[in-house]
Every structure is written in C-alpha cells, then in structure tokens.
C-alpha cells in the first residue's frame, strides 16, 4: 500500500517468492532507461 506502483510491486514480490522456492515464474523485470531519447541524441 506504500508502493508508488502497487500492482507491479506485488507482482515483483510474487516472483521473488517463487524464486525463493525455486519456481520459475516467467516474470519480466522492468528496467527504465534514463531519458532514452536524450541518450540517442547524445550518442
């Protein structure tokens, strides 16, 4: 309830609990780029 994104947060927690039990969950961890458009322009 304190999470910025409660539903994706609990999904990640469920995947953590599966991993602790040795169960493959298929959960995709989301990682955000740091201003990807600006990154492309910088390069």
ModelCIF file with pLDDT and N, C-alpha, C, O atoms, coordinates in Angstrom:
data_MODEL
#
_entry.id   MODEL 
#
_entity.id                         1 
_entity.type                       polymer 
_entity.pdbx_number_of_molecules   1 
#
_entity_poly.entity_id                      1 
_entity_poly.type                           'polypeptide(L)' 
_entity_poly.nstd_linkage                   no 
_entity_poly.nstd_monomer                   no 
_entity_poly.pdbx_seq_one_letter_code       
;(UNK)(UNK)(UNK)(UNK)(UNK)(UNK)(UNK)(UNK)(UNK)(UNK)(UNK)(UNK)(UNK)(UNK)(UNK)(UNK)
(UNK)(UNK)(UNK)(UNK)(UNK)(UNK)(UNK)(UNK)(UNK)(UNK)(UNK)(UNK)(UNK)(UNK)(UNK)(UNK)
(UNK)(UNK)(UNK)(UNK)(UNK)(UNK)(UNK)(UNK)(UNK)(UNK)(UNK)
;
_entity_poly.pdbx_seq_one_letter_code_can   XXXXXXXXXXXXXXXXXXXXXXXXXXXXXXXXXXXXXXXXXXX 
_entity_poly.pdbx_strand_id                 A 
#
loop_
_entity_poly_seq.entity_id 
_entity_poly_seq.num 
_entity_poly_seq.mon_id 
_entity_poly_seq.hetero 
1 1  UNK n 
1 2  UNK n 
1 3  UNK n 
1 4  UNK n 
1 5  UNK n 
1 6  UNK n 
1 7  UNK n 
1 8  UNK n 
1 9  UNK n 
1 10 UNK n 
1 11 UNK n 
1 12 UNK n 
1 13 UNK n 
1 14 UNK n 
1 15 UNK n 
1 16 UNK n 
1 17 UNK n 
1 18 UNK n 
1 19 UNK n 
1 20 UNK n 
1 21 UNK n 
1 22 UNK n 
1 23 UNK n 
1 24 UNK n 
1 25 UNK n 
1 26 UNK n 
1 27 UNK n 
1 28 UNK n 
1 29 UNK n 
1 30 UNK n 
1 31 UNK n 
1 32 UNK n 
1 33 UNK n 
1 34 UNK n 
1 35 UNK n 
1 36 UNK n 
1 37 UNK n 
1 38 UNK n 
1 39 UNK n 
1 40 UNK n 
1 41 UNK n 
1 42 UNK n 
1 43 UNK n 
#
_struct_asym.id          A 
_struct_asym.entity_id   1 
#
loop_
_ma_qa_metric.id 
_ma_qa_metric.mode 
_ma_qa_metric.name 
_ma_qa_metric.software_group_id 
_ma_qa_metric.type 
1 global pLDDT . pLDDT 
2 local  pLDDT . pLDDT 
#
_ma_qa_metric_global.metric_id      1 
_ma_qa_metric_global.metric_value   92.60 
_ma_qa_metric_global.model_id       1 
_ma_qa_metric_global.ordinal_id     1 
#
loop_
_ma_qa_metric_local.label_asym_id 
_ma_qa_metric_local.label_comp_id 
_ma_qa_metric_local.label_seq_id 
_ma_qa_metric_local.metric_id 
_ma_qa_metric_local.metric_value 
_ma_qa_metric_local.model_id 
_ma_qa_metric_local.ordinal_id 
A UNK 1  2 97.00 1 1  
A UNK 2  2 97.00 1 2  
A UNK 3  2 97.00 1 3  
A UNK 4  2 96.00 1 4  
A UNK 5  2 95.00 1 5  
A UNK 6  2 97.00 1 6  
A UNK 7  2 97.00 1 7  
A UNK 8  2 96.00 1 8  
A UNK 9  2 97.00 1 9  
A UNK 10 2 97.00 1 10 
A UNK 11 2 97.00 1 11 
A UNK 12 2 98.00 1 12 
A UNK 13 2 98.00 1 13 
A UNK 14 2 98.00 1 14 
A UNK 15 2 98.00 1 15 
A UNK 16 2 98.00 1 16 
A UNK 17 2 98.00 1 17 
A UNK 18 2 98.00 1 18 
A UNK 19 2 97.00 1 19 
A UNK 20 2 97.00 1 20 
A UNK 21 2 97.00 1 21 
A UNK 22 2 96.00 1 22 
A UNK 23 2 96.00 1 23 
A UNK 24 2 94.00 1 24 
A UNK 25 2 93.00 1 25 
A UNK 26 2 93.00 1 26 
A UNK 27 2 95.00 1 27 
A UNK 28 2 93.00 1 28 
A UNK 29 2 92.00 1 29 
A UNK 30 2 85.00 1 30 
A UNK 31 2 82.00 1 31 
A UNK 32 2 75.00 1 32 
A UNK 33 2 74.00 1 33 
A UNK 34 2 75.00 1 34 
A UNK 35 2 82.00 1 35 
A UNK 36 2 84.00 1 36 
A UNK 37 2 86.00 1 37 
A UNK 38 2 88.00 1 38 
A UNK 39 2 89.00 1 39 
A UNK 40 2 92.00 1 40 
A UNK 41 2 92.00 1 41 
A UNK 42 2 92.00 1 42 
A UNK 43 2 94.00 1 43 
#
loop_
_atom_site.group_PDB 
_atom_site.id 
_atom_site.type_symbol 
_atom_site.label_atom_id 
_atom_site.label_alt_id 
_atom_site.label_comp_id 
_atom_site.label_asym_id 
_atom_site.label_entity_id 
_atom_site.label_seq_id 
_atom_site.pdbx_PDB_ins_code 
_atom_site.Cartn_x 
_atom_site.Cartn_y 
_atom_site.Cartn_z 
_atom_site.occupancy 
_atom_site.B_iso_or_equiv 
_atom_site.pdbx_formal_charge 
_atom_site.auth_seq_id 
_atom_site.auth_comp_id 
_atom_site.auth_asym_id 
_atom_site.auth_atom_id 
_atom_site.pdbx_PDB_model_num 
ATOM 1   N N  . UNK A 1 1  ? 0.807  -1.226  0.000   1.00 97.00 ? 1  UNK A N  1 
ATOM 2   C CA . UNK A 1 1  ? 0.000  0.000   0.000   1.00 97.00 ? 1  UNK A CA 1 
ATOM 3   C C  . UNK A 1 1  ? 0.834  1.268   0.000   1.00 97.00 ? 1  UNK A C  1 
ATOM 4   O O  . UNK A 1 1  ? 0.317  2.344   -0.298  1.00 97.00 ? 1  UNK A O  1 
ATOM 5   N N  . UNK A 1 2  ? 2.112  1.162   0.328   1.00 97.00 ? 2  UNK A N  1 
ATOM 6   C CA . UNK A 1 2  ? 3.003  2.322   0.318   1.00 97.00 ? 2  UNK A CA 1 
ATOM 7   C C  . UNK A 1 2  ? 3.751  2.462   -1.007  1.00 97.00 ? 2  UNK A C  1 
ATOM 8   O O  . UNK A 1 2  ? 4.439  3.459   -1.229  1.00 97.00 ? 2  UNK A O  1 
ATOM 9   N N  . UNK A 1 3  ? 3.621  1.473   -1.883  1.00 97.00 ? 3  UNK A N  1 
ATOM 10  C CA . UNK A 1 3  ? 4.354  1.466   -3.145  1.00 97.00 ? 3  UNK A CA 1 
ATOM 11  C C  . UNK A 1 3  ? 3.792  2.504   -4.119  1.00 97.00 ? 3  UNK A C  1 
ATOM 12  O O  . UNK A 1 3  ? 2.588  2.755   -4.155  1.00 97.00 ? 3  UNK A O  1 
ATOM 13  N N  . UNK A 1 4  ? 4.690  3.102   -4.908  1.00 96.00 ? 4  UNK A N  1 
ATOM 14  C CA . UNK A 1 4  ? 4.244  4.028   -5.959  1.00 96.00 ? 4  UNK A CA 1 
ATOM 15  C C  . UNK A 1 4  ? 3.373  3.314   -6.986  1.00 96.00 ? 4  UNK A C  1 
ATOM 16  O O  . UNK A 1 4  ? 2.398  3.873   -7.487  1.00 96.00 ? 4  UNK A O  1 
ATOM 17  N N  . UNK A 1 5  ? 3.737  2.076   -7.291  1.00 95.00 ? 5  UNK A N  1 
ATOM 18  C CA . UNK A 1 5  ? 3.014  1.251   -8.269  1.00 95.00 ? 5  UNK A CA 1 
ATOM 19  C C  . UNK A 1 5  ? 2.642  -0.068  -7.595  1.00 95.00 ? 5  UNK A C  1 
ATOM 20  O O  . UNK A 1 5  ? 3.349  -1.062  -7.761  1.00 95.00 ? 5  UNK A O  1 
ATOM 21  N N  . UNK A 1 6  ? 1.534  -0.092  -6.830  1.00 97.00 ? 6  UNK A N  1 
ATOM 22  C CA . UNK A 1 6  ? 1.218  -1.266  -6.003  1.00 97.00 ? 6  UNK A CA 1 
ATOM 23  C C  . UNK A 1 6  ? 1.070  -2.584  -6.770  1.00 97.00 ? 6  UNK A C  1 
ATOM 24  O O  . UNK A 1 6  ? 1.577  -3.610  -6.315  1.00 97.00 ? 6  UNK A O  1 
ATOM 25  N N  . UNK A 1 7  ? 0.400  -2.581  -7.901  1.00 97.00 ? 7  UNK A N  1 
ATOM 26  C CA . UNK A 1 7  ? 0.169  -3.831  -8.625  1.00 97.00 ? 7  UNK A CA 1 
ATOM 27  C C  . UNK A 1 7  ? 1.474  -4.394  -9.201  1.00 97.00 ? 7  UNK A C  1 
ATOM 28  O O  . UNK A 1 7  ? 1.770  -5.567  -8.974  1.00 97.00 ? 7  UNK A O  1 
ATOM 29  N N  . UNK A 1 8  ? 2.269  -3.595  -9.943  1.00 96.00 ? 8  UNK A N  1 
ATOM 30  C CA . UNK A 1 8  ? 3.558  -4.130  -10.395 1.00 96.00 ? 8  UNK A CA 1 
ATOM 31  C C  . UNK A 1 8  ? 4.482  -4.501  -9.229  1.00 96.00 ? 8  UNK A C  1 
ATOM 32  O O  . UNK A 1 8  ? 5.281  -5.431  -9.341  1.00 96.00 ? 8  UNK A O  1 
ATOM 33  N N  . UNK A 1 9  ? 4.373  -3.774  -8.115  1.00 97.00 ? 9  UNK A N  1 
ATOM 34  C CA . UNK A 1 9  ? 5.196  -4.093  -6.945  1.00 97.00 ? 9  UNK A CA 1 
ATOM 35  C C  . UNK A 1 9  ? 4.848  -5.487  -6.425  1.00 97.00 ? 9  UNK A C  1 
ATOM 36  O O  . UNK A 1 9  ? 5.743  -6.303  -6.202  1.00 97.00 ? 9  UNK A O  1 
ATOM 37  N N  . UNK A 1 10 ? 3.581  -5.762  -6.233  1.00 97.00 ? 10 UNK A N  1 
ATOM 38  C CA . UNK A 1 10 ? 3.204  -7.071  -5.668  1.00 97.00 ? 10 UNK A CA 1 
ATOM 39  C C  . UNK A 1 10 ? 3.487  -8.194  -6.664  1.00 97.00 ? 10 UNK A C  1 
ATOM 40  O O  . UNK A 1 10 ? 3.783  -9.318  -6.260  1.00 97.00 ? 10 UNK A O  1 
ATOM 41  N N  . UNK A 1 11 ? 3.397  -7.900  -7.962  1.00 97.00 ? 11 UNK A N  1 
ATOM 42  C CA . UNK A 1 11 ? 3.777  -8.905  -8.964  1.00 97.00 ? 11 UNK A CA 1 
ATOM 43  C C  . UNK A 1 11 ? 5.250  -9.260  -8.832  1.00 97.00 ? 11 UNK A C  1 
ATOM 44  O O  . UNK A 1 11 ? 5.620  -10.431 -8.915  1.00 97.00 ? 11 UNK A O  1 
ATOM 45  N N  . UNK A 1 12 ? 6.092  -8.248  -8.627  1.00 98.00 ? 12 UNK A N  1 
ATOM 46  C CA . UNK A 1 12 ? 7.522  -8.499  -8.434  1.00 98.00 ? 12 UNK A CA 1 
ATOM 47  C C  . UNK A 1 12 ? 7.759  -9.288  -7.149  1.00 98.00 ? 12 UNK A C  1 
ATOM 48  O O  . UNK A 1 12 ? 8.603  -10.184 -7.114  1.00 98.00 ? 12 UNK A O  1 
ATOM 49  N N  . UNK A 1 13 ? 7.022  -8.958  -6.105  1.00 98.00 ? 13 UNK A N  1 
ATOM 50  C CA . UNK A 1 13 ? 7.158  -9.685  -4.832  1.00 98.00 ? 13 UNK A CA 1 
ATOM 51  C C  . UNK A 1 13 ? 6.742  -11.143 -5.008  1.00 98.00 ? 13 UNK A C  1 
ATOM 52  O O  . UNK A 1 13 ? 7.393  -12.041 -4.474  1.00 98.00 ? 13 UNK A O  1 
ATOM 53  N N  . UNK A 1 14 ? 5.670  -11.385 -5.748  1.00 98.00 ? 14 UNK A N  1 
ATOM 54  C CA . UNK A 1 14 ? 5.235  -12.770 -6.004  1.00 98.00 ? 14 UNK A CA 1 
ATOM 55  C C  . UNK A 1 14 ? 6.314  -13.539 -6.764  1.00 98.00 ? 14 UNK A C  1 
ATOM 56  O O  . UNK A 1 14 ? 6.551  -14.715 -6.492  1.00 98.00 ? 14 UNK A O  1 
ATOM 57  N N  . UNK A 1 15 ? 6.971  -12.868 -7.722  1.00 98.00 ? 15 UNK A N  1 
ATOM 58  C CA . UNK A 1 15 ? 8.057  -13.520 -8.474  1.00 98.00 ? 15 UNK A CA 1 
ATOM 59  C C  . UNK A 1 15 ? 9.248  -13.795 -7.554  1.00 98.00 ? 15 UNK A C  1 
ATOM 60  O O  . UNK A 1 15 ? 9.919  -14.817 -7.700  1.00 98.00 ? 15 UNK A O  1 
ATOM 61  N N  . UNK A 1 16 ? 9.511  -12.900 -6.620  1.00 98.00 ? 16 UNK A N  1 
ATOM 62  C CA . UNK A 1 16 ? 10.582 -13.123 -5.633  1.00 98.00 ? 16 UNK A CA 1 
ATOM 63  C C  . UNK A 1 16 ? 10.261 -14.344 -4.793  1.00 98.00 ? 16 UNK A C  1 
ATOM 64  O O  . UNK A 1 16 ? 11.132 -15.182 -4.561  1.00 98.00 ? 16 UNK A O  1 
ATOM 65  N N  . UNK A 1 17 ? 9.017  -14.458 -4.333  1.00 98.00 ? 17 UNK A N  1 
ATOM 66  C CA . UNK A 1 17 ? 8.627  -15.615 -3.514  1.00 98.00 ? 17 UNK A CA 1 
ATOM 67  C C  . UNK A 1 17 ? 8.735  -16.914 -4.319  1.00 98.00 ? 17 UNK A C  1 
ATOM 68  O O  . UNK A 1 17 ? 9.174  -17.936 -3.790  1.00 98.00 ? 17 UNK A O  1 
ATOM 69  N N  . UNK A 1 18 ? 8.339  -16.878 -5.587  1.00 98.00 ? 18 UNK A N  1 
ATOM 70  C CA . UNK A 1 18 ? 8.504  -18.066 -6.442  1.00 98.00 ? 18 UNK A CA 1 
ATOM 71  C C  . UNK A 1 18 ? 9.977  -18.427 -6.563  1.00 98.00 ? 18 UNK A C  1 
ATOM 72  O O  . UNK A 1 18 ? 10.344 -19.596 -6.440  1.00 98.00 ? 18 UNK A O  1 
ATOM 73  N N  . UNK A 1 19 ? 10.812 -17.441 -6.799  1.00 97.00 ? 19 UNK A N  1 
ATOM 74  C CA . UNK A 1 19 ? 12.251 -17.686 -6.951  1.00 97.00 ? 19 UNK A CA 1 
ATOM 75  C C  . UNK A 1 19 ? 12.839 -18.287 -5.678  1.00 97.00 ? 19 UNK A C  1 
ATOM 76  O O  . UNK A 1 19 ? 13.697 -19.167 -5.744  1.00 97.00 ? 19 UNK A O  1 
ATOM 77  N N  . UNK A 1 20 ? 12.383 -17.816 -4.524  1.00 97.00 ? 20 UNK A N  1 
ATOM 78  C CA . UNK A 1 20 ? 12.869 -18.369 -3.261  1.00 97.00 ? 20 UNK A CA 1 
ATOM 79  C C  . UNK A 1 20 ? 12.515 -19.853 -3.115  1.00 97.00 ? 20 UNK A C  1 
ATOM 80  O O  . UNK A 1 20 ? 13.212 -20.605 -2.434  1.00 97.00 ? 20 UNK A O  1 
ATOM 81  N N  . UNK A 1 21 ? 11.423 -20.260 -3.766  1.00 97.00 ? 21 UNK A N  1 
ATOM 82  C CA . UNK A 1 21 ? 11.001 -21.664 -3.729  1.00 97.00 ? 21 UNK A CA 1 
ATOM 83  C C  . UNK A 1 21 ? 11.586 -22.476 -4.882  1.00 97.00 ? 21 UNK A C  1 
ATOM 84  O O  . UNK A 1 21 ? 11.343 -23.678 -4.990  1.00 97.00 ? 21 UNK A O  1 
ATOM 85  N N  . UNK A 1 22 ? 12.361 -21.811 -5.746  1.00 96.00 ? 22 UNK A N  1 
ATOM 86  C CA . UNK A 1 22 ? 12.941 -22.498 -6.888  1.00 96.00 ? 22 UNK A CA 1 
ATOM 87  C C  . UNK A 1 22 ? 11.980 -22.663 -8.047  1.00 96.00 ? 22 UNK A C  1 
ATOM 88  O O  . UNK A 1 22 ? 12.199 -23.495 -8.928  1.00 96.00 ? 22 UNK A O  1 
ATOM 89  N N  . UNK A 1 23 ? 10.915 -21.875 -8.052  1.00 96.00 ? 23 UNK A N  1 
ATOM 90  C CA . UNK A 1 23 ? 9.892  -21.943 -9.101  1.00 96.00 ? 23 UNK A CA 1 
ATOM 91  C C  . UNK A 1 23 ? 10.148 -20.833 -10.118 1.00 96.00 ? 23 UNK A C  1 
ATOM 92  O O  . UNK A 1 23 ? 10.251 -19.662 -9.752  1.00 96.00 ? 23 UNK A O  1 
ATOM 93  N N  . UNK A 1 24 ? 10.251 -21.200 -11.381 1.00 94.00 ? 24 UNK A N  1 
ATOM 94  C CA . UNK A 1 24 ? 10.412 -20.205 -12.447 1.00 94.00 ? 24 UNK A CA 1 
ATOM 95  C C  . UNK A 1 24 ? 9.060  -19.548 -12.690 1.00 94.00 ? 24 UNK A C  1 
ATOM 96  O O  . UNK A 1 24 ? 8.082  -20.235 -12.984 1.00 94.00 ? 24 UNK A O  1 
ATOM 97  N N  . UNK A 1 25 ? 8.996  -18.238 -12.570 1.00 93.00 ? 25 UNK A N  1 
ATOM 98  C CA . UNK A 1 25 ? 7.714  -17.547 -12.691 1.00 93.00 ? 25 UNK A CA 1 
ATOM 99  C C  . UNK A 1 25 ? 7.479  -16.977 -14.089 1.00 93.00 ? 25 UNK A C  1 
ATOM 100 O O  . UNK A 1 25 ? 6.333  -16.766 -14.488 1.00 93.00 ? 25 UNK A O  1 
ATOM 101 N N  . UNK A 1 26 ? 8.545  -16.730 -14.826 1.00 93.00 ? 26 UNK A N  1 
ATOM 102 C CA . UNK A 1 26 ? 8.398  -16.077 -16.123 1.00 93.00 ? 26 UNK A CA 1 
ATOM 103 C C  . UNK A 1 26 ? 8.182  -14.577 -15.999 1.00 93.00 ? 26 UNK A C  1 
ATOM 104 O O  . UNK A 1 26 ? 7.889  -13.901 -16.986 1.00 93.00 ? 26 UNK A O  1 
ATOM 105 N N  . UNK A 1 27 ? 8.328  -14.062 -14.790 1.00 95.00 ? 27 UNK A N  1 
ATOM 106 C CA . UNK A 1 27 ? 8.134  -12.622 -14.554 1.00 95.00 ? 27 UNK A CA 1 
ATOM 107 C C  . UNK A 1 27 ? 9.202  -11.827 -15.304 1.00 95.00 ? 27 UNK A C  1 
ATOM 108 O O  . UNK A 1 27 ? 10.382 -12.177 -15.275 1.00 95.00 ? 27 UNK A O  1 
ATOM 109 N N  . UNK A 1 28 ? 8.786  -10.774 -15.961 1.00 93.00 ? 28 UNK A N  1 
ATOM 110 C CA . UNK A 1 28 ? 9.721  -9.900  -16.660 1.00 93.00 ? 28 UNK A CA 1 
ATOM 111 C C  . UNK A 1 28 ? 9.990  -8.674  -15.799 1.00 93.00 ? 28 UNK A C  1 
ATOM 112 O O  . UNK A 1 28 ? 9.090  -7.872  -15.547 1.00 93.00 ? 28 UNK A O  1 
ATOM 113 N N  . UNK A 1 29 ? 11.219 -8.536  -15.355 1.00 92.00 ? 29 UNK A N  1 
ATOM 114 C CA . UNK A 1 29 ? 11.601 -7.369  -14.569 1.00 92.00 ? 29 UNK A CA 1 
ATOM 115 C C  . UNK A 1 29 ? 11.702 -6.170  -15.502 1.00 92.00 ? 29 UNK A C  1 
ATOM 116 O O  . UNK A 1 29 ? 12.364 -6.231  -16.538 1.00 92.00 ? 29 UNK A O  1 
ATOM 117 N N  . UNK A 1 30 ? 11.044 -5.087  -15.127 1.00 85.00 ? 30 UNK A N  1 
ATOM 118 C CA . UNK A 1 30 ? 11.050 -3.889  -15.963 1.00 85.00 ? 30 UNK A CA 1 
ATOM 119 C C  . UNK A 1 30 ? 12.163 -2.949  -15.512 1.00 85.00 ? 30 UNK A C  1 
ATOM 120 O O  . UNK A 1 30 ? 12.291 -2.635  -14.328 1.00 85.00 ? 30 UNK A O  1 
ATOM 121 N N  . UNK A 1 31 ? 12.952 -2.515  -16.462 1.00 82.00 ? 31 UNK A N  1 
ATOM 122 C CA . UNK A 1 31 ? 14.017 -1.554  -16.203 1.00 82.00 ? 31 UNK A CA 1 
ATOM 123 C C  . UNK A 1 31 ? 13.825 -0.384  -17.151 1.00 82.00 ? 31 UNK A C  1 
ATOM 124 O O  . UNK A 1 31 ? 13.664 -0.567  -18.357 1.00 82.00 ? 31 UNK A O  1 
ATOM 125 N N  . UNK A 1 32 ? 13.842 0.810   -16.599 1.00 75.00 ? 32 UNK A N  1 
ATOM 126 C CA . UNK A 1 32 ? 13.614 2.005   -17.388 1.00 75.00 ? 32 UNK A CA 1 
ATOM 127 C C  . UNK A 1 32 ? 14.945 2.626   -17.794 1.00 75.00 ? 32 UNK A C  1 
ATOM 128 O O  . UNK A 1 32 ? 15.882 2.683   -16.998 1.00 75.00 ? 32 UNK A O  1 
ATOM 129 N N  . UNK A 1 33 ? 15.017 3.082   -19.021 1.00 74.00 ? 33 UNK A N  1 
ATOM 130 C CA . UNK A 1 33 ? 16.206 3.809   -19.473 1.00 74.00 ? 33 UNK A CA 1 
ATOM 131 C C  . UNK A 1 33 ? 16.188 5.206   -18.860 1.00 74.00 ? 33 UNK A C  1 
ATOM 132 O O  . UNK A 1 33 ? 15.132 5.713   -18.481 1.00 74.00 ? 33 UNK A O  1 
ATOM 133 N N  . UNK A 1 34 ? 17.332 5.807   -18.768 1.00 75.00 ? 34 UNK A N  1 
ATOM 134 C CA . UNK A 1 34 ? 17.440 7.182   -18.255 1.00 75.00 ? 34 UNK A CA 1 
ATOM 135 C C  . UNK A 1 34 ? 17.350 8.135   -19.433 1.00 75.00 ? 34 UNK A C  1 
ATOM 136 O O  . UNK A 1 34 ? 18.365 8.447   -20.055 1.00 75.00 ? 34 UNK A O  1 
ATOM 137 N N  . UNK A 1 35 ? 16.154 8.600   -19.745 1.00 82.00 ? 35 UNK A N  1 
ATOM 138 C CA . UNK A 1 35 ? 15.953 9.559   -20.835 1.00 82.00 ? 35 UNK A CA 1 
ATOM 139 C C  . UNK A 1 35 ? 16.497 9.003   -22.149 1.00 82.00 ? 35 UNK A C  1 
ATOM 140 O O  . UNK A 1 35 ? 17.441 9.553   -22.715 1.00 82.00 ? 35 UNK A O  1 
ATOM 141 N N  . UNK A 1 36 ? 15.911 7.928   -22.624 1.00 84.00 ? 36 UNK A N  1 
ATOM 142 C CA . UNK A 1 36 ? 16.440 7.219   -23.790 1.00 84.00 ? 36 UNK A CA 1 
ATOM 143 C C  . UNK A 1 36 ? 16.541 8.086   -25.042 1.00 84.00 ? 36 UNK A C  1 
ATOM 144 O O  . UNK A 1 36 ? 17.480 7.929   -25.822 1.00 84.00 ? 36 UNK A O  1 
ATOM 145 N N  . UNK A 1 37 ? 15.595 8.993   -25.246 1.00 86.00 ? 37 UNK A N  1 
ATOM 146 C CA . UNK A 1 37 ? 15.686 9.887   -26.409 1.00 86.00 ? 37 UNK A CA 1 
ATOM 147 C C  . UNK A 1 37 ? 16.914 10.779  -26.328 1.00 86.00 ? 37 UNK A C  1 
ATOM 148 O O  . UNK A 1 37 ? 17.618 10.983  -27.317 1.00 86.00 ? 37 UNK A O  1 
ATOM 149 N N  . UNK A 1 38 ? 17.160 11.308  -25.133 1.00 88.00 ? 38 UNK A N  1 
ATOM 150 C CA . UNK A 1 38 ? 18.353 12.132  -24.934 1.00 88.00 ? 38 UNK A CA 1 
ATOM 151 C C  . UNK A 1 38 ? 19.622 11.288  -25.062 1.00 88.00 ? 38 UNK A C  1 
ATOM 152 O O  . UNK A 1 38 ? 20.647 11.774  -25.541 1.00 88.00 ? 38 UNK A O  1 
ATOM 153 N N  . UNK A 1 39 ? 19.554 10.029  -24.634 1.00 89.00 ? 39 UNK A N  1 
ATOM 154 C CA . UNK A 1 39 ? 20.719 9.151   -24.782 1.00 89.00 ? 39 UNK A CA 1 
ATOM 155 C C  . UNK A 1 39 ? 21.083 8.986   -26.253 1.00 89.00 ? 39 UNK A C  1 
ATOM 156 O O  . UNK A 1 39 ? 22.256 9.062   -26.621 1.00 89.00 ? 39 UNK A O  1 
ATOM 157 N N  . UNK A 1 40 ? 20.083 8.764   -27.084 1.00 92.00 ? 40 UNK A N  1 
ATOM 158 C CA . UNK A 1 40 ? 20.321 8.593   -28.521 1.00 92.00 ? 40 UNK A CA 1 
ATOM 159 C C  . UNK A 1 40 ? 20.910 9.868   -29.115 1.00 92.00 ? 40 UNK A C  1 
ATOM 160 O O  . UNK A 1 40 ? 21.857 9.817   -29.899 1.00 92.00 ? 40 UNK A O  1 
ATOM 161 N N  . UNK A 1 41 ? 20.341 11.013  -28.736 1.00 92.00 ? 41 UNK A N  1 
ATOM 162 C CA . UNK A 1 41 ? 20.861 12.281  -29.249 1.00 92.00 ? 41 UNK A CA 1 
ATOM 163 C C  . UNK A 1 41 ? 22.300 12.511  -28.791 1.00 92.00 ? 41 UNK A C  1 
ATOM 164 O O  . UNK A 1 41 ? 23.115 13.022  -29.560 1.00 92.00 ? 41 UNK A O  1 
ATOM 165 N N  . UNK A 1 42 ? 22.624 12.141  -27.551 1.00 92.00 ? 42 UNK A N  1 
ATOM 166 C CA . UNK A 1 42 ? 23.990 12.315  -27.035 1.00 92.00 ? 42 UNK A CA 1 
ATOM 167 C C  . UNK A 1 42 ? 24.982 11.503  -27.848 1.00 92.00 ? 42 UNK A C  1 
ATOM 168 O O  . UNK A 1 42 ? 26.074 11.975  -28.164 1.00 92.00 ? 42 UNK A O  1 
ATOM 169 N N  . UNK A 1 43 ? 24.596 10.280  -28.183 1.00 94.00 ? 43 UNK A N  1 
ATOM 170 C CA . UNK A 1 43 ? 25.484 9.417   -28.969 1.00 94.00 ? 43 UNK A CA 1 
ATOM 171 C C  . UNK A 1 43 ? 25.636 9.963   -30.384 1.00 94.00 ? 43 UNK A C  1 
ATOM 172 O O  . UNK A 1 43 ? 26.346 9.374   -31.199 1.00 94.00 ? 43 UNK A O  1 
#
